[in-house]
Amino acid sequence: MSAERMFQGVPSDPDPWMPSDTPAEIRQFAIESLRWQAQEIIDELLCSKEPGEELSRARLRRCVARNPGRPERALLEQLMTSRDSPAP
């Protein structure tokens, strides 16, 4: 996966962080921007070669696989899982 990939065709859903009266074009731009940024973060994390981070990268890959075309959801899932996991 690459951040250059555009997320056109992925339907926007009503997200709680955006007022419901937001114009459609602004809504679409905001969602695509959020997805772009989340994908950039995911790409950076998956490029890491640190052996101690392999478990975290594997967990992130599973989150991405469960949320195809929705990197913002995958990243949120990863962050929530990481928050709930006990620190070594």
PDB file of N, CA and C in Angstrom:
ATOM      1  N   MET A   1       0.837  -1.185   0.000  1.00  0.00           N
ATOM      2  CA  MET A   1       0.000   0.000   0.000  1.00  0.00           C
ATOM      3  C   MET A   1       0.874   1.238   0.000  1.00  0.00           C
ATOM      4  N   SER A   2       0.397   2.274  -0.626  1.00  0.00           N
ATOM      5  CA  SER A   2       1.157   3.504  -0.717  1.00  0.00           C
ATOM      6  C   SER A   2       0.245   4.694  -0.505  1.00  0.00           C
ATOM      7  N   ALA A   3       0.810   5.752   0.065  1.00  0.00           N
ATOM      8  CA  ALA A   3       0.012   6.957   0.319  1.00  0.00           C
ATOM      9  C   ALA A   3      -0.403   7.641  -0.971  1.00  0.00           C
ATOM     10  N   GLU A   4       0.277   7.344  -2.070  1.00  0.00           N
ATOM     11  CA  GLU A   4      -0.119   7.958  -3.340  1.00  0.00           C
ATOM     12  C   GLU A   4      -1.462   7.433  -3.828  1.00  0.00           C
ATOM     13  N   ARG A   5      -1.852   6.299  -3.296  1.00  0.00           N
ATOM     14  CA  ARG A   5      -3.133   5.716  -3.714  1.00  0.00           C
ATOM     15  C   ARG A   5      -4.272   6.651  -3.320  1.00  0.00           C
ATOM     16  N   MET A   6      -5.121   6.936  -4.256  1.00  0.00           N
ATOM     17  CA  MET A   6      -6.259   7.812  -3.972  1.00  0.00           C
ATOM     18  C   MET A   6      -7.421   6.965  -3.490  1.00  0.00           C
ATOM     19  N   PHE A   7      -8.249   7.527  -2.666  1.00  0.00           N
ATOM     20  CA  PHE A   7      -9.347   6.797  -2.078  1.00  0.00           C
ATOM     21  C   PHE A   7     -10.681   7.198  -2.671  1.00  0.00           C
ATOM     22  N   GLN A   8     -10.665   7.612  -3.934  1.00  0.00           N
ATOM     23  CA  GLN A   8     -11.919   7.906  -4.617  1.00  0.00           C
ATOM     24  C   GLN A   8     -12.683   6.596  -4.755  1.00  0.00           C
ATOM     25  N   GLY A   9     -13.959   6.680  -4.727  1.00  0.00           N
ATOM     26  CA  GLY A   9     -14.759   5.473  -4.850  1.00  0.00           C
ATOM     27  C   GLY A   9     -15.063   4.829  -3.513  1.00  0.00           C
ATOM     28  N   VAL A  10     -14.345   5.232  -2.462  1.00  0.00           N
ATOM     29  CA  VAL A  10     -14.674   4.739  -1.133  1.00  0.00           C
ATOM     30  C   VAL A  10     -15.742   5.675  -0.600  1.00  0.00           C
ATOM     31  N   PRO A  11     -16.938   5.178  -0.382  1.00  0.00           N
ATOM     32  CA  PRO A  11     -18.022   6.073   0.025  1.00  0.00           C
ATOM     33  C   PRO A  11     -17.741   6.716   1.376  1.00  0.00           C
ATOM     34  N   SER A  12     -18.088   7.989   1.482  1.00  0.00           N
ATOM     35  CA  SER A  12     -17.920   8.668   2.762  1.00  0.00           C
ATOM     36  C   SER A  12     -19.103   8.318   3.642  1.00  0.00           C
ATOM     37  N   ASP A  13     -18.823   8.135   4.887  1.00  0.00           N
ATOM     38  CA  ASP A  13     -19.898   7.846   5.823  1.00  0.00           C
ATOM     39  C   ASP A  13     -19.999   9.000   6.808  1.00  0.00           C
ATOM     40  N   PRO A  14     -21.104   9.113   7.488  1.00  0.00           N
ATOM     41  CA  PRO A  14     -21.234  10.207   8.445  1.00  0.00           C
ATOM     42  C   PRO A  14     -20.307   9.966   9.629  1.00  0.00           C
ATOM     43  N   ASP A  15     -19.287  10.777   9.753  1.00  0.00           N
ATOM     44  CA  ASP A  15     -18.349  10.656  10.853  1.00  0.00           C
ATOM     45  C   ASP A  15     -18.715  11.625  11.955  1.00  0.00           C
ATOM     46  N   PRO A  16     -18.542  11.200  13.200  1.00  0.00           N
ATOM     47  CA  PRO A  16     -18.958  12.047  14.315  1.00  0.00           C
ATOM     48  C   PRO A  16     -18.136  13.322  14.462  1.00  0.00           C
ATOM     49  N   TRP A  17     -16.958  13.395  13.857  1.00  0.00           N
ATOM     50  CA  TRP A  17     -16.108  14.578  13.993  1.00  0.00           C
ATOM     51  C   TRP A  17     -16.458  15.671  12.998  1.00  0.00           C
ATOM     52  N   MET A  18     -17.443  15.428  12.151  1.00  0.00           N
ATOM     53  CA  MET A  18     -17.817  16.403  11.140  1.00  0.00           C
ATOM     54  C   MET A  18     -19.313  16.700  11.257  1.00  0.00           C
ATOM     55  N   PRO A  19     -19.684  17.976  11.368  1.00  0.00           N
ATOM     56  CA  PRO A  19     -21.119  18.307  11.456  1.00  0.00           C
ATOM     57  C   PRO A  19     -21.891  17.774  10.250  1.00  0.00           C
ATOM     58  N   SER A  20     -23.126  17.378  10.481  1.00  0.00           N
ATOM     59  CA  SER A  20     -23.936  16.792   9.417  1.00  0.00           C
ATOM     60  C   SER A  20     -24.300  17.790   8.325  1.00  0.00           C
ATOM     61  N   ASP A  21     -24.228  19.091   8.622  1.00  0.00           N
ATOM     62  CA  ASP A  21     -24.570  20.091   7.606  1.00  0.00           C
ATOM     63  C   ASP A  21     -23.348  20.541   6.789  1.00  0.00           C
ATOM     64  N   THR A  22     -22.229  19.841   6.924  1.00  0.00           N
ATOM     65  CA  THR A  22     -21.029  20.157   6.145  1.00  0.00           C
ATOM     66  C   THR A  22     -21.303  19.862   4.671  1.00  0.00           C
ATOM     67  N   PRO A  23     -20.972  20.817   3.768  1.00  0.00           N
ATOM     68  CA  PRO A  23     -21.193  20.566   2.339  1.00  0.00           C
ATOM     69  C   PRO A  23     -20.448  19.307   1.864  1.00  0.00           C
ATOM     70  N   ALA A  24     -21.038  18.621   0.917  1.00  0.00           N
ATOM     71  CA  ALA A  24     -20.513  17.337   0.433  1.00  0.00           C
ATOM     72  C   ALA A  24     -19.074  17.430  -0.052  1.00  0.00           C
ATOM     73  N   GLU A  25     -18.729  18.501  -0.792  1.00  0.00           N
ATOM     74  CA  GLU A  25     -17.359  18.589  -1.316  1.00  0.00           C
ATOM     75  C   GLU A  25     -16.331  18.812  -0.203  1.00  0.00           C
ATOM     76  N   ILE A  26     -16.711  19.550   0.826  1.00  0.00           N
ATOM     77  CA  ILE A  26     -15.801  19.746   1.970  1.00  0.00           C
ATOM     78  C   ILE A  26     -15.691  18.455   2.762  1.00  0.00           C
ATOM     79  N   ARG A  27     -16.799  17.786   2.915  1.00  0.00           N
ATOM     80  CA  ARG A  27     -16.828  16.499   3.616  1.00  0.00           C
ATOM     81  C   ARG A  27     -15.915  15.493   2.917  1.00  0.00           C
ATOM     82  N   GLN A  28     -16.035  15.401   1.596  1.00  0.00           N
ATOM     83  CA  GLN A  28     -15.211  14.463   0.826  1.00  0.00           C
ATOM     84  C   GLN A  28     -13.731  14.824   0.930  1.00  0.00           C
ATOM     85  N   PHE A  29     -13.418  16.125   0.833  1.00  0.00           N
ATOM     86  CA  PHE A  29     -12.031  16.572   0.949  1.00  0.00           C
ATOM     87  C   PHE A  29     -11.466  16.219   2.318  1.00  0.00           C
ATOM     88  N   ALA A  30     -12.234  16.449   3.370  1.00  0.00           N
ATOM     89  CA  ALA A  30     -11.776  16.167   4.733  1.00  0.00           C
ATOM     90  C   ALA A  30     -11.521  14.676   4.932  1.00  0.00           C
ATOM     91  N   ILE A  31     -12.416  13.852   4.426  1.00  0.00           N
ATOM     92  CA  ILE A  31     -12.253  12.411   4.568  1.00  0.00           C
ATOM     93  C   ILE A  31     -11.038  11.924   3.790  1.00  0.00           C
ATOM     94  N   GLU A  32     -10.868  12.402   2.564  1.00  0.00           N
ATOM     95  CA  GLU A  32      -9.698  11.998   1.775  1.00  0.00           C
ATOM     96  C   GLU A  32      -8.403  12.482   2.419  1.00  0.00           C
ATOM     97  N   SER A  33      -8.413  13.690   2.984  1.00  0.00           N
ATOM     98  CA  SER A  33      -7.227  14.213   3.664  1.00  0.00           C
ATOM     99  C   SER A  33      -6.874  13.363   4.879  1.00  0.00           C
ATOM    100  N   LEU A  34      -7.886  13.012   5.658  1.00  0.00           N
ATOM    101  CA  LEU A  34      -7.661  12.169   6.828  1.00  0.00           C
ATOM    102  C   LEU A  34      -7.111  10.815   6.405  1.00  0.00           C
ATOM    103  N   ARG A  35      -7.673  10.235   5.367  1.00  0.00           N
ATOM    104  CA  ARG A  35      -7.195   8.925   4.885  1.00  0.00           C
ATOM    105  C   ARG A  35      -5.764   9.008   4.372  1.00  0.00           C
ATOM    106  N   TRP A  36      -5.451  10.078   3.682  1.00  0.00           N
ATOM    107  CA  TRP A  36      -4.090  10.275   3.163  1.00  0.00           C
ATOM    108  C   TRP A  36      -3.101  10.322   4.327  1.00  0.00           C
ATOM    109  N   GLN A  37      -3.419  11.120   5.339  1.00  0.00           N
ATOM    110  CA  GLN A  37      -2.523  11.264   6.489  1.00  0.00           C
ATOM    111  C   GLN A  37      -2.374   9.944   7.247  1.00  0.00           C
ATOM    112  N   ALA A  38      -3.473   9.239   7.443  1.00  0.00           N
ATOM    113  CA  ALA A  38      -3.412   7.950   8.133  1.00  0.00           C
ATOM    114  C   ALA A  38      -2.566   6.963   7.344  1.00  0.00           C
ATOM    115  N   GLN A  39      -2.716   6.956   6.014  1.00  0.00           N
ATOM    116  CA  GLN A  39      -1.925   6.042   5.191  1.00  0.00           C
ATOM    117  C   GLN A  39      -0.446   6.378   5.261  1.00  0.00           C
ATOM    118  N   GLU A  40      -0.106   7.666   5.306  1.00  0.00           N
ATOM    119  CA  GLU A  40       1.296   8.092   5.458  1.00  0.00           C
ATOM    120  C   GLU A  40       1.879   7.530   6.759  1.00  0.00           C
ATOM    121  N   ILE A  41       1.122   7.634   7.842  1.00  0.00           N
ATOM    122  CA  ILE A  41       1.581   7.135   9.138  1.00  0.00           C
ATOM    123  C   ILE A  41       1.760   5.624   9.085  1.00  0.00           C
ATOM    124  N   ILE A  42       0.792   4.933   8.520  1.00  0.00           N
ATOM    125  CA  ILE A  42       0.876   3.470   8.398  1.00  0.00           C
ATOM    126  C   ILE A  42       2.093   3.069   7.575  1.00  0.00           C
ATOM    127  N   ASP A  43       2.301   3.734   6.444  1.00  0.00           N
ATOM    128  CA  ASP A  43       3.464   3.416   5.598  1.00  0.00           C
ATOM    129  C   ASP A  43       4.764   3.582   6.368  1.00  0.00           C
ATOM    130  N   GLU A  44       4.877   4.664   7.132  1.00  0.00           N
ATOM    131  CA  GLU A  44       6.093   4.905   7.915  1.00  0.00           C
ATOM    132  C   GLU A  44       6.293   3.811   8.958  1.00  0.00           C
ATOM    133  N   LEU A  45       5.232   3.444   9.659  1.00  0.00           N
ATOM    134  CA  LEU A  45       5.345   2.416  10.688  1.00  0.00           C
ATOM    135  C   LEU A  45       5.726   1.060  10.097  1.00  0.00           C
ATOM    136  N   LEU A  46       5.154   0.732   8.940  1.00  0.00           N
ATOM    137  CA  LEU A  46       5.441  -0.565   8.325  1.00  0.00           C
ATOM    138  C   LEU A  46       6.822  -0.626   7.688  1.00  0.00           C
ATOM    139  N   CYS A  47       7.431   0.516   7.431  1.00  0.00           N
ATOM    140  CA  CYS A  47       8.781   0.545   6.849  1.00  0.00           C
ATOM    141  C   CYS A  47       9.877   0.330   7.886  1.00  0.00           C
ATOM    142  N   SER A  48       9.520   0.440   9.143  1.00  0.00           N
ATOM    143  CA  SER A  48      10.495   0.276  10.218  1.00  0.00           C
ATOM    144  C   SER A  48      11.119  -1.118  10.158  1.00  0.00           C
ATOM    145  N   LYS A  49      12.374  -1.215  10.500  1.00  0.00           N
ATOM    146  CA  LYS A  49      13.074  -2.509  10.506  1.00  0.00           C
ATOM    147  C   LYS A  49      13.476  -2.926  11.918  1.00  0.00           C
ATOM    148  N   GLU A  50      13.001  -2.192  12.931  1.00  0.00           N
ATOM    149  CA  GLU A  50      13.348  -2.513  14.313  1.00  0.00           C
ATOM    150  C   GLU A  50      12.775  -3.879  14.694  1.00  0.00           C
ATOM    151  N   PRO A  51      13.627  -4.827  15.105  1.00  0.00           N
ATOM    152  CA  PRO A  51      13.128  -6.159  15.462  1.00  0.00           C
ATOM    153  C   PRO A  51      12.127  -6.130  16.616  1.00  0.00           C
ATOM    154  N   GLY A  52      12.300  -5.239  17.567  1.00  0.00           N
ATOM    155  CA  GLY A  52      11.416  -5.165  18.711  1.00  0.00           C
ATOM    156  C   GLY A  52      10.025  -4.658  18.382  1.00  0.00           C
ATOM    157  N   GLU A  53       9.835  -4.138  17.183  1.00  0.00           N
ATOM    158  CA  GLU A  53       8.551  -3.590  16.774  1.00  0.00           C
ATOM    159  C   GLU A  53       7.780  -4.514  15.826  1.00  0.00           C
ATOM    160  N   GLU A  54       8.300  -5.718  15.583  1.00  0.00           N
ATOM    161  CA  GLU A  54       7.665  -6.624  14.628  1.00  0.00           C
ATOM    162  C   GLU A  54       6.256  -7.016  15.058  1.00  0.00           C
ATOM    163  N   LEU A  55       6.037  -7.254  16.336  1.00  0.00           N
ATOM    164  CA  LEU A  55       4.705  -7.613  16.814  1.00  0.00           C
ATOM    165  C   LEU A  55       3.719  -6.481  16.527  1.00  0.00           C
ATOM    166  N   SER A  56       4.137  -5.268  16.778  1.00  0.00           N
ATOM    167  CA  SER A  56       3.291  -4.103  16.519  1.00  0.00           C
ATOM    168  C   SER A  56       3.001  -3.959  15.024  1.00  0.00           C
ATOM    169  N   ARG A  57       4.023  -4.184  14.184  1.00  0.00           N
ATOM    170  CA  ARG A  57       3.809  -4.100  12.723  1.00  0.00           C
ATOM    171  C   ARG A  57       2.856  -5.189  12.254  1.00  0.00           C
ATOM    172  N   ALA A  58       2.971  -6.390  12.802  1.00  0.00           N
ATOM    173  CA  ALA A  58       2.066  -7.494  12.421  1.00  0.00           C
ATOM    174  C   ALA A  58       0.638  -7.152  12.834  1.00  0.00           C
ATOM    175  N   ARG A  59       0.479  -6.577  14.014  1.00  0.00           N
ATOM    176  CA  ARG A  59      -0.853  -6.177  14.477  1.00  0.00           C
ATOM    177  C   ARG A  59      -1.427  -5.093  13.566  1.00  0.00           C
ATOM    178  N   LEU A  60      -0.582  -4.141  13.154  1.00  0.00           N
ATOM    179  CA  LEU A  60      -1.019  -3.081  12.251  1.00  0.00           C
ATOM    180  C   LEU A  60      -1.429  -3.652  10.897  1.00  0.00           C
ATOM    181  N   ARG A  61      -0.673  -4.612  10.381  1.00  0.00           N
ATOM    182  CA  ARG A  61      -1.045  -5.249   9.110  1.00  0.00           C
ATOM    183  C   ARG A  61      -2.420  -5.905   9.209  1.00  0.00           C
ATOM    184  N   ARG A  62      -2.703  -6.550  10.336  1.00  0.00           N
ATOM    185  CA  ARG A  62      -4.026  -7.171  10.530  1.00  0.00           C
ATOM    186  C   ARG A  62      -5.121  -6.102  10.572  1.00  0.00           C
ATOM    187  N   CYS A  63      -4.840  -4.982  11.231  1.00  0.00           N
ATOM    188  CA  CYS A  63      -5.822  -3.889  11.286  1.00  0.00           C
ATOM    189  C   CYS A  63      -6.099  -3.361   9.877  1.00  0.00           C
ATOM    190  N   VAL A  64      -5.051  -3.214   9.083  1.00  0.00           N
ATOM    191  CA  VAL A  64      -5.213  -2.730   7.706  1.00  0.00           C
ATOM    192  C   VAL A  64      -6.031  -3.736   6.897  1.00  0.00           C
ATOM    193  N   ALA A  65      -5.760  -5.017   7.074  1.00  0.00           N
ATOM    194  CA  ALA A  65      -6.499  -6.051   6.333  1.00  0.00           C
ATOM    195  C   ALA A  65      -7.976  -6.067   6.722  1.00  0.00           C
ATOM    196  N   ARG A  66      -8.285  -5.768   7.978  1.00  0.00           N
ATOM    197  CA  ARG A  66      -9.687  -5.740   8.419  1.00  0.00           C
ATOM    198  C   ARG A  66     -10.420  -4.479   7.988  1.00  0.00           C
ATOM    199  N   ASN A  67      -9.683  -3.475   7.536  1.00  0.00           N
ATOM    200  CA  ASN A  67     -10.279  -2.191   7.159  1.00  0.00           C
ATOM    201  C   ASN A  67      -9.811  -1.757   5.779  1.00  0.00           C
ATOM    202  N   PRO A  68     -10.089  -2.541   4.737  1.00  0.00           N
ATOM    203  CA  PRO A  68      -9.602  -2.198   3.400  1.00  0.00           C
ATOM    204  C   PRO A  68     -10.137  -0.848   2.917  1.00  0.00           C
ATOM    205  N   GLY A  69      -9.230  -0.007   2.426  1.00  0.00           N
ATOM    206  CA  GLY A  69      -9.610   1.306   1.914  1.00  0.00           C
ATOM    207  C   GLY A  69      -9.931   2.314   2.999  1.00  0.00           C
ATOM    208  N   ARG A  70      -9.715   1.954   4.251  1.00  0.00           N
ATOM    209  CA  ARG A  70     -10.030   2.835   5.375  1.00  0.00           C
ATOM    210  C   ARG A  70      -8.856   2.894   6.348  1.00  0.00           C
ATOM    211  N   PRO A  71      -7.762   3.469   5.915  1.00  0.00           N
ATOM    212  CA  PRO A  71      -6.575   3.506   6.778  1.00  0.00           C
ATOM    213  C   PRO A  71      -6.807   4.253   8.084  1.00  0.00           C
ATOM    214  N   GLU A  72      -7.724   5.214   8.088  1.00  0.00           N
ATOM    215  CA  GLU A  72      -7.993   5.954   9.329  1.00  0.00           C
ATOM    216  C   GLU A  72      -8.596   5.030  10.383  1.00  0.00           C
ATOM    217  N   ARG A  73      -9.427   4.119   9.955  1.00  0.00           N
ATOM    218  CA  ARG A  73     -10.029   3.153  10.885  1.00  0.00           C
ATOM    219  C   ARG A  73      -8.988   2.134  11.342  1.00  0.00           C
ATOM    220  N   ALA A  74      -8.139   1.700  10.415  1.00  0.00           N
ATOM    221  CA  ALA A  74      -7.084   0.744  10.767  1.00  0.00           C
ATOM    222  C   ALA A  74      -6.129   1.356  11.786  1.00  0.00           C
ATOM    223  N   LEU A  75      -5.740   2.589  11.580  1.00  0.00           N
ATOM    224  CA  LEU A  75      -4.824   3.257  12.495  1.00  0.00           C
ATOM    225  C   LEU A  75      -5.481   3.457  13.857  1.00  0.00           C
ATOM    226  N   LEU A  76      -6.731   3.841  13.878  1.00  0.00           N
ATOM    227  CA  LEU A  76      -7.450   4.008  15.136  1.00  0.00           C
ATOM    228  C   LEU A  76      -7.525   2.680  15.889  1.00  0.00           C
ATOM    229  N   GLU A  77      -7.842   1.613  15.166  1.00  0.00           N
ATOM    230  CA  GLU A  77      -7.915   0.289  15.789  1.00  0.00           C
ATOM    231  C   GLU A  77      -6.561  -0.081  16.395  1.00  0.00           C
ATOM    232  N   GLN A  78      -5.485   0.171  15.660  1.00  0.00           N
ATOM    233  CA  GLN A  78      -4.133  -0.128  16.146  1.00  0.00           C
ATOM    234  C   GLN A  78      -3.819   0.687  17.395  1.00  0.00           C
ATOM    235  N   LEU A  79      -4.148   1.958  17.374  1.00  0.00           N
ATOM    236  CA  LEU A  79      -3.864   2.819  18.521  1.00  0.00           C
ATOM    237  C   LEU A  79      -4.667   2.381  19.745  1.00  0.00           C
ATOM    238  N   MET A  80      -5.906   2.002  19.539  1.00  0.00           N
ATOM    239  CA  MET A  80      -6.734   1.551  20.656  1.00  0.00           C
ATOM    240  C   MET A  80      -6.208   0.232  21.224  1.00  0.00           C
ATOM    241  N   THR A  81      -5.769  -0.667  20.369  1.00  0.00           N
ATOM    242  CA  THR A  81      -5.209  -1.938  20.807  1.00  0.00           C
ATOM    243  C   THR A  81      -3.920  -1.690  21.568  1.00  0.00           C
ATOM    244  N   SER A  82      -3.077  -0.803  21.068  1.00  0.00           N
ATOM    245  CA  SER A  82      -1.810  -0.500  21.709  1.00  0.00           C
ATOM    246  C   SER A  82      -2.031   0.131  23.074  1.00  0.00           C
ATOM    247  N   ARG A  83      -3.050   0.966  23.177  1.00  0.00           N
ATOM    248  CA  ARG A  83      -3.350   1.634  24.433  1.00  0.00           C
ATOM    249  C   ARG A  83      -3.793   0.637  25.485  1.00  0.00           C
ATOM    250  N   ASP A  84      -4.539  -0.386  25.054  1.00  0.00           N
ATOM    251  CA  ASP A  84      -5.069  -1.372  25.987  1.00  0.00           C
ATOM    252  C   ASP A  84      -4.063  -2.461  26.344  1.00  0.00           C
ATOM    253  N   SER A  85      -2.992  -2.573  25.564  1.00  0.00           N
ATOM    254  CA  SER A  85      -1.988  -3.618  25.817  1.00  0.00           C
ATOM    255  C   SER A  85      -1.059  -3.172  26.944  1.00  0.00           C
ATOM    256  N   PRO A  86      -0.704  -4.100  27.834  1.00  0.00           N
ATOM    257  CA  PRO A  86       0.230  -3.751  28.902  1.00  0.00           C
ATOM    258  C   PRO A  86       1.634  -3.499  28.343  1.00  0.00           C
ATOM    259  N   ALA A  87       2.292  -2.513  28.877  1.00  0.00           N
ATOM    260  CA  ALA A  87       3.667  -2.200  28.438  1.00  0.00           C
ATOM    261  C   ALA A  87       4.624  -3.246  28.989  1.00  0.00           C
ATOM    262  N   PRO A  88       5.650  -3.606  28.212  1.00  0.00           N
ATOM    263  CA  PRO A  88       6.612  -4.636  28.680  1.00  0.00           C
ATOM    264  C   PRO A  88       7.481  -4.109  29.806  1.00  0.00           C
TER     265      PRO A  88
END
